[in-house]
């Protein structure tokens, strides 16, 4: 389902990864990605999608934006 939804999204800028400071992504991880990105990065950019991903190095957000 996620792959189909991703294909239907408008084409945007490349993903912008950044660290999400928490123990794990959890249920609200994607929402926290958006909140953290707005606090730390350019507030004038518009979201297409954000996703929280866990790796062996920690939790990371991958957000895609309209250019």
PDB file of N, CA and C in Angstrom:
ATOM      1  N   UNK A   1       0.836  -1.200   0.000  1.00  0.00           N
ATOM      2  CA  UNK A   1       0.000   0.000   0.000  1.00  0.00           C
ATOM      3  C   UNK A   1       0.874   1.254   0.000  1.00  0.00           C
ATOM      4  N   UNK A   2       1.929   1.270   0.817  1.00  0.00           N
ATOM      5  CA  UNK A   2       2.793   2.445   0.901  1.00  0.00           C
ATOM      6  C   UNK A   2       3.491   2.718  -0.428  1.00  0.00           C
ATOM      7  N   UNK A   3       3.848   1.665  -1.149  1.00  0.00           N
ATOM      8  CA  UNK A   3       4.530   1.857  -2.429  1.00  0.00           C
ATOM      9  C   UNK A   3       3.609   2.523  -3.438  1.00  0.00           C
ATOM     10  N   UNK A   4       2.346   2.097  -3.455  1.00  0.00           N
ATOM     11  CA  UNK A   4       1.374   2.681  -4.373  1.00  0.00           C
ATOM     12  C   UNK A   4       1.137   4.142  -4.032  1.00  0.00           C
ATOM     13  N   UNK A   5       0.989   4.439  -2.738  1.00  0.00           N
ATOM     14  CA  UNK A   5       0.768   5.819  -2.309  1.00  0.00           C
ATOM     15  C   UNK A   5       1.959   6.694  -2.666  1.00  0.00           C
ATOM     16  N   UNK A   6       3.153   6.147  -2.528  1.00  0.00           N
ATOM     17  CA  UNK A   6       4.355   6.923  -2.831  1.00  0.00           C
ATOM     18  C   UNK A   6       4.401   7.286  -4.315  1.00  0.00           C
ATOM     19  N   UNK A   7       3.967   6.359  -5.172  1.00  0.00           N
ATOM     20  CA  UNK A   7       3.980   6.624  -6.611  1.00  0.00           C
ATOM     21  C   UNK A   7       2.972   7.709  -6.977  1.00  0.00           C
ATOM     22  N   UNK A   8       1.897   7.814  -6.213  1.00  0.00           N
ATOM     23  CA  UNK A   8       0.855   8.782  -6.515  1.00  0.00           C
ATOM     24  C   UNK A   8       1.158  10.179  -5.984  1.00  0.00           C
ATOM     25  N   UNK A   9       2.190  10.310  -5.140  1.00  0.00           N
ATOM     26  CA  UNK A   9       2.544  11.622  -4.602  1.00  0.00           C
ATOM     27  C   UNK A   9       3.102  12.508  -5.709  1.00  0.00           C
ATOM     28  N   UNK A  10       2.875  13.827  -5.613  1.00  0.00           N
ATOM     29  CA  UNK A  10       3.494  14.739  -6.578  1.00  0.00           C
ATOM     30  C   UNK A  10       5.008  14.628  -6.495  1.00  0.00           C
ATOM     31  N   UNK A  11       5.668  14.837  -7.608  1.00  0.00           N
ATOM     32  CA  UNK A  11       7.122  14.723  -7.606  1.00  0.00           C
ATOM     33  C   UNK A  11       7.719  15.909  -6.858  1.00  0.00           C
ATOM     34  N   UNK A  12       8.657  15.647  -5.977  1.00  0.00           N
ATOM     35  CA  UNK A  12       9.229  16.703  -5.149  1.00  0.00           C
ATOM     36  C   UNK A  12      10.732  16.640  -5.107  1.00  0.00           C
ATOM     37  N   UNK A  13      11.299  17.347  -4.170  1.00  0.00           N
ATOM     38  CA  UNK A  13      12.742  17.345  -3.974  1.00  0.00           C
ATOM     39  C   UNK A  13      13.173  15.986  -3.418  1.00  0.00           C
ATOM     40  N   UNK A  14      14.483  15.696  -3.437  1.00  0.00           N
ATOM     41  CA  UNK A  14      14.973  14.450  -2.835  1.00  0.00           C
ATOM     42  C   UNK A  14      14.668  14.392  -1.341  1.00  0.00           C
ATOM     43  N   UNK A  15      14.691  13.192  -0.811  1.00  0.00           N
ATOM     44  CA  UNK A  15      14.482  13.028   0.624  1.00  0.00           C
ATOM     45  C   UNK A  15      15.566  13.758   1.399  1.00  0.00           C
ATOM     46  N   UNK A  16      15.170  14.344   2.522  1.00  0.00           N
ATOM     47  CA  UNK A  16      16.114  15.031   3.395  1.00  0.00           C
ATOM     48  C   UNK A  16      16.165  14.278   4.716  1.00  0.00           C
ATOM     49  N   UNK A  17      17.215  13.475   4.955  1.00  0.00           N
ATOM     50  CA  UNK A  17      17.287  12.703   6.198  1.00  0.00           C
ATOM     51  C   UNK A  17      17.827  13.534   7.353  1.00  0.00           C
ATOM     52  N   UNK A  18      17.306  13.305   8.542  1.00  0.00           N
ATOM     53  CA  UNK A  18      17.866  13.930   9.735  1.00  0.00           C
ATOM     54  C   UNK A  18      17.517  13.077  10.936  1.00  0.00           C
ATOM     55  N   UNK A  19      18.258  13.239  12.002  1.00  0.00           N
ATOM     56  CA  UNK A  19      18.093  12.398  13.179  1.00  0.00           C
ATOM     57  C   UNK A  19      16.843  12.774  13.955  1.00  0.00           C
ATOM     58  N   UNK A  20      16.096  11.779  14.381  1.00  0.00           N
ATOM     59  CA  UNK A  20      14.941  11.991  15.251  1.00  0.00           C
ATOM     60  C   UNK A  20      15.360  11.600  16.664  1.00  0.00           C
ATOM     61  N   UNK A  21      15.301  12.544  17.587  1.00  0.00           N
ATOM     62  CA  UNK A  21      15.787  12.296  18.943  1.00  0.00           C
ATOM     63  C   UNK A  21      14.699  11.645  19.789  1.00  0.00           C
ATOM     64  N   UNK A  22      14.696  10.330  19.820  1.00  0.00           N
ATOM     65  CA  UNK A  22      13.780   9.562  20.655  1.00  0.00           C
ATOM     66  C   UNK A  22      14.247   8.119  20.649  1.00  0.00           C
ATOM     67  N   UNK A  23      13.671   7.309  21.513  1.00  0.00           N
ATOM     68  CA  UNK A  23      14.120   5.921  21.637  1.00  0.00           C
ATOM     69  C   UNK A  23      13.740   5.085  20.426  1.00  0.00           C
ATOM     70  N   UNK A  24      12.550   5.316  19.893  1.00  0.00           N
ATOM     71  CA  UNK A  24      12.139   4.594  18.700  1.00  0.00           C
ATOM     72  C   UNK A  24      11.091   5.400  17.953  1.00  0.00           C
ATOM     73  N   UNK A  25      10.846   5.014  16.719  1.00  0.00           N
ATOM     74  CA  UNK A  25       9.915   5.774  15.890  1.00  0.00           C
ATOM     75  C   UNK A  25       8.501   5.734  16.458  1.00  0.00           C
ATOM     76  N   UNK A  26       8.049   4.564  16.880  1.00  0.00           N
ATOM     77  CA  UNK A  26       6.739   4.456  17.513  1.00  0.00           C
ATOM     78  C   UNK A  26       5.592   4.833  16.590  1.00  0.00           C
ATOM     79  N   UNK A  27       4.399   4.918  17.167  1.00  0.00           N
ATOM     80  CA  UNK A  27       3.192   5.194  16.397  1.00  0.00           C
ATOM     81  C   UNK A  27       3.204   6.614  15.846  1.00  0.00           C
ATOM     82  N   UNK A  28       3.714   7.563  16.629  1.00  0.00           N
ATOM     83  CA  UNK A  28       3.675   8.968  16.226  1.00  0.00           C
ATOM     84  C   UNK A  28       4.976   9.421  15.568  1.00  0.00           C
ATOM     85  N   UNK A  29       5.797   8.474  15.153  1.00  0.00           N
ATOM     86  CA  UNK A  29       7.105   8.820  14.601  1.00  0.00           C
ATOM     87  C   UNK A  29       7.037   9.742  13.401  1.00  0.00           C
ATOM     88  N   UNK A  30       6.126   9.454  12.454  1.00  0.00           N
ATOM     89  CA  UNK A  30       6.031  10.279  11.259  1.00  0.00           C
ATOM     90  C   UNK A  30       5.620  11.702  11.609  1.00  0.00           C
ATOM     91  N   UNK A  31       4.697  11.839  12.547  1.00  0.00           N
ATOM     92  CA  UNK A  31       4.271  13.166  12.984  1.00  0.00           C
ATOM     93  C   UNK A  31       5.388  13.904  13.690  1.00  0.00           C
ATOM     94  N   UNK A  32       6.156  13.178  14.496  1.00  0.00           N
ATOM     95  CA  UNK A  32       7.284  13.798  15.188  1.00  0.00           C
ATOM     96  C   UNK A  32       8.354  14.245  14.199  1.00  0.00           C
ATOM     97  N   UNK A  33       8.498  13.509  13.110  1.00  0.00           N
ATOM     98  CA  UNK A  33       9.439  13.926  12.070  1.00  0.00           C
ATOM     99  C   UNK A  33       9.070  15.312  11.563  1.00  0.00           C
ATOM    100  N   UNK A  34       7.800  15.497  11.279  1.00  0.00           N
ATOM    101  CA  UNK A  34       7.352  16.789  10.756  1.00  0.00           C
ATOM    102  C   UNK A  34       7.569  17.893  11.781  1.00  0.00           C
ATOM    103  N   UNK A  35       7.238  17.623  13.047  1.00  0.00           N
ATOM    104  CA  UNK A  35       7.411  18.628  14.098  1.00  0.00           C
ATOM    105  C   UNK A  35       8.877  18.997  14.257  1.00  0.00           C
ATOM    106  N   UNK A  36       9.749  17.981  14.308  1.00  0.00           N
ATOM    107  CA  UNK A  36      11.176  18.230  14.487  1.00  0.00           C
ATOM    108  C   UNK A  36      11.768  18.952  13.291  1.00  0.00           C
ATOM    109  N   UNK A  37      11.294  18.613  12.089  1.00  0.00           N
ATOM    110  CA  UNK A  37      11.841  19.269  10.906  1.00  0.00           C
ATOM    111  C   UNK A  37      11.459  20.741  10.896  1.00  0.00           C
ATOM    112  N   UNK A  38      10.229  21.044  11.277  1.00  0.00           N
ATOM    113  CA  UNK A  38       9.789  22.438  11.303  1.00  0.00           C
ATOM    114  C   UNK A  38      10.598  23.249  12.303  1.00  0.00           C
ATOM    115  N   UNK A  39      10.986  22.618  13.416  1.00  0.00           N
ATOM    116  CA  UNK A  39      11.748  23.330  14.438  1.00  0.00           C
ATOM    117  C   UNK A  39      13.192  23.571  14.003  1.00  0.00           C
ATOM    118  N   UNK A  40      13.775  22.596  13.295  1.00  0.00           N
ATOM    119  CA  UNK A  40      15.212  22.636  13.037  1.00  0.00           C
ATOM    120  C   UNK A  40      15.574  23.134  11.643  1.00  0.00           C
ATOM    121  N   UNK A  41      14.641  23.042  10.712  1.00  0.00           N
ATOM    122  CA  UNK A  41      14.974  23.324   9.313  1.00  0.00           C
ATOM    123  C   UNK A  41      14.155  24.496   8.777  1.00  0.00           C
ATOM    124  N   UNK A  42      14.075  24.583   7.466  1.00  0.00           N
ATOM    125  CA  UNK A  42      13.408  25.698   6.798  1.00  0.00           C
ATOM    126  C   UNK A  42      11.897  25.606   6.970  1.00  0.00           C
ATOM    127  N   UNK A  43      11.310  26.564   7.658  1.00  0.00           N
ATOM    128  CA  UNK A  43       9.877  26.533   7.934  1.00  0.00           C
ATOM    129  C   UNK A  43       9.043  26.915   6.715  1.00  0.00           C
ATOM    130  N   UNK A  44       9.671  27.393   5.655  1.00  0.00           N
ATOM    131  CA  UNK A  44       8.928  27.832   4.481  1.00  0.00           C
ATOM    132  C   UNK A  44       8.675  26.704   3.487  1.00  0.00           C
ATOM    133  N   UNK A  45       9.256  25.545   3.734  1.00  0.00           N
ATOM    134  CA  UNK A  45       9.066  24.431   2.808  1.00  0.00           C
ATOM    135  C   UNK A  45       7.750  23.711   3.094  1.00  0.00           C
ATOM    136  N   UNK A  46       7.177  23.123   2.057  1.00  0.00           N
ATOM    137  CA  UNK A  46       5.899  22.433   2.166  1.00  0.00           C
ATOM    138  C   UNK A  46       6.121  20.923   2.123  1.00  0.00           C
ATOM    139  N   UNK A  47       5.473  20.205   3.036  1.00  0.00           N
ATOM    140  CA  UNK A  47       5.628  18.751   3.100  1.00  0.00           C
ATOM    141  C   UNK A  47       4.925  18.047   1.949  1.00  0.00           C
ATOM    142  N   UNK A  48       5.554  17.040   1.414  1.00  0.00           N
ATOM    143  CA  UNK A  48       4.864  16.038   0.621  1.00  0.00           C
ATOM    144  C   UNK A  48       4.651  14.807   1.492  1.00  0.00           C
ATOM    145  N   UNK A  49       5.716  14.374   2.154  1.00  0.00           N
ATOM    146  CA  UNK A  49       5.593  13.227   3.048  1.00  0.00           C
ATOM    147  C   UNK A  49       6.797  13.162   3.977  1.00  0.00           C
ATOM    148  N   UNK A  50       6.584  12.584   5.148  1.00  0.00           N
ATOM    149  CA  UNK A  50       7.669  12.324   6.091  1.00  0.00           C
ATOM    150  C   UNK A  50       7.531  10.895   6.600  1.00  0.00           C
ATOM    151  N   UNK A  51       8.659  10.263   6.804  1.00  0.00           N
ATOM    152  CA  UNK A  51       8.649   8.892   7.307  1.00  0.00           C
ATOM    153  C   UNK A  51       9.764   8.722   8.324  1.00  0.00           C
ATOM    154  N   UNK A  52       9.447   8.057   9.428  1.00  0.00           N
ATOM    155  CA  UNK A  52      10.439   7.740  10.449  1.00  0.00           C
ATOM    156  C   UNK A  52      10.966   6.334  10.189  1.00  0.00           C
ATOM    157  N   UNK A  53      12.289   6.196  10.133  1.00  0.00           N
ATOM    158  CA  UNK A  53      12.897   4.894   9.880  1.00  0.00           C
ATOM    159  C   UNK A  53      13.909   4.581  10.966  1.00  0.00           C
ATOM    160  N   UNK A  54      13.890   3.357  11.448  1.00  0.00           N
ATOM    161  CA  UNK A  54      14.844   2.933  12.470  1.00  0.00           C
ATOM    162  C   UNK A  54      15.991   2.171  11.819  1.00  0.00           C
ATOM    163  N   UNK A  55      17.201   2.414  12.315  1.00  0.00           N
ATOM    164  CA  UNK A  55      18.367   1.686  11.835  1.00  0.00           C
ATOM    165  C   UNK A  55      19.245   1.330  13.022  1.00  0.00           C
ATOM    166  N   UNK A  56      20.340   0.637  12.757  1.00  0.00           N
ATOM    167  CA  UNK A  56      21.231   0.251  13.853  1.00  0.00           C
ATOM    168  C   UNK A  56      21.900   1.467  14.471  1.00  0.00           C
ATOM    169  N   UNK A  57      21.893   2.605  13.774  1.00  0.00           N
ATOM    170  CA  UNK A  57      22.527   3.815  14.294  1.00  0.00           C
ATOM    171  C   UNK A  57      21.543   4.708  15.035  1.00  0.00           C
ATOM    172  N   UNK A  58      20.260   4.375  14.976  1.00  0.00           N
ATOM    173  CA  UNK A  58      19.262   5.202  15.647  1.00  0.00           C
ATOM    174  C   UNK A  58      18.064   5.441  14.752  1.00  0.00           C
ATOM    175  N   UNK A  59      17.299   6.460  15.091  1.00  0.00           N
ATOM    176  CA  UNK A  59      16.094   6.764  14.342  1.00  0.00           C
ATOM    177  C   UNK A  59      16.349   7.966  13.429  1.00  0.00           C
ATOM    178  N   UNK A  60      15.862   7.867  12.214  1.00  0.00           N
ATOM    179  CA  UNK A  60      16.065   8.943  11.255  1.00  0.00           C
ATOM    180  C   UNK A  60      14.751   9.293  10.573  1.00  0.00           C
ATOM    181  N   UNK A  61      14.599  10.555  10.245  1.00  0.00           N
ATOM    182  CA  UNK A  61      13.445  11.011   9.483  1.00  0.00           C
ATOM    183  C   UNK A  61      13.869  11.194   8.031  1.00  0.00           C
ATOM    184  N   UNK A  62      12.984  10.784   7.138  1.00  0.00           N
ATOM    185  CA  UNK A  62      13.202  11.023   5.716  1.00  0.00           C
ATOM    186  C   UNK A  62      11.988  11.795   5.225  1.00  0.00           C
ATOM    187  N   UNK A  63      12.195  13.076   4.934  1.00  0.00           N
ATOM    188  CA  UNK A  63      11.094  13.939   4.519  1.00  0.00           C
ATOM    189  C   UNK A  63      11.287  14.372   3.075  1.00  0.00           C
ATOM    190  N   UNK A  64      10.182  14.409   2.330  1.00  0.00           N
ATOM    191  CA  UNK A  64      10.209  14.866   0.948  1.00  0.00           C
ATOM    192  C   UNK A  64       9.413  16.163   0.869  1.00  0.00           C
ATOM    193  N   UNK A  65       9.945  17.116   0.140  1.00  0.00           N
ATOM    194  CA  UNK A  65       9.354  18.450   0.094  1.00  0.00           C
ATOM    195  C   UNK A  65       9.087  18.913  -1.324  1.00  0.00           C
ATOM    196  N   UNK A  66       8.139  19.819  -1.464  1.00  0.00           N
ATOM    197  CA  UNK A  66       7.939  20.501  -2.739  1.00  0.00           C
ATOM    198  C   UNK A  66       9.079  21.486  -2.931  1.00  0.00           C
ATOM    199  N   UNK A  67       9.563  21.620  -4.148  1.00  0.00           N
ATOM    200  CA  UNK A  67      10.641  22.573  -4.426  1.00  0.00           C
ATOM    201  C   UNK A  67      10.051  23.957  -4.697  1.00  0.00           C
TER     202      UNK A  67
END
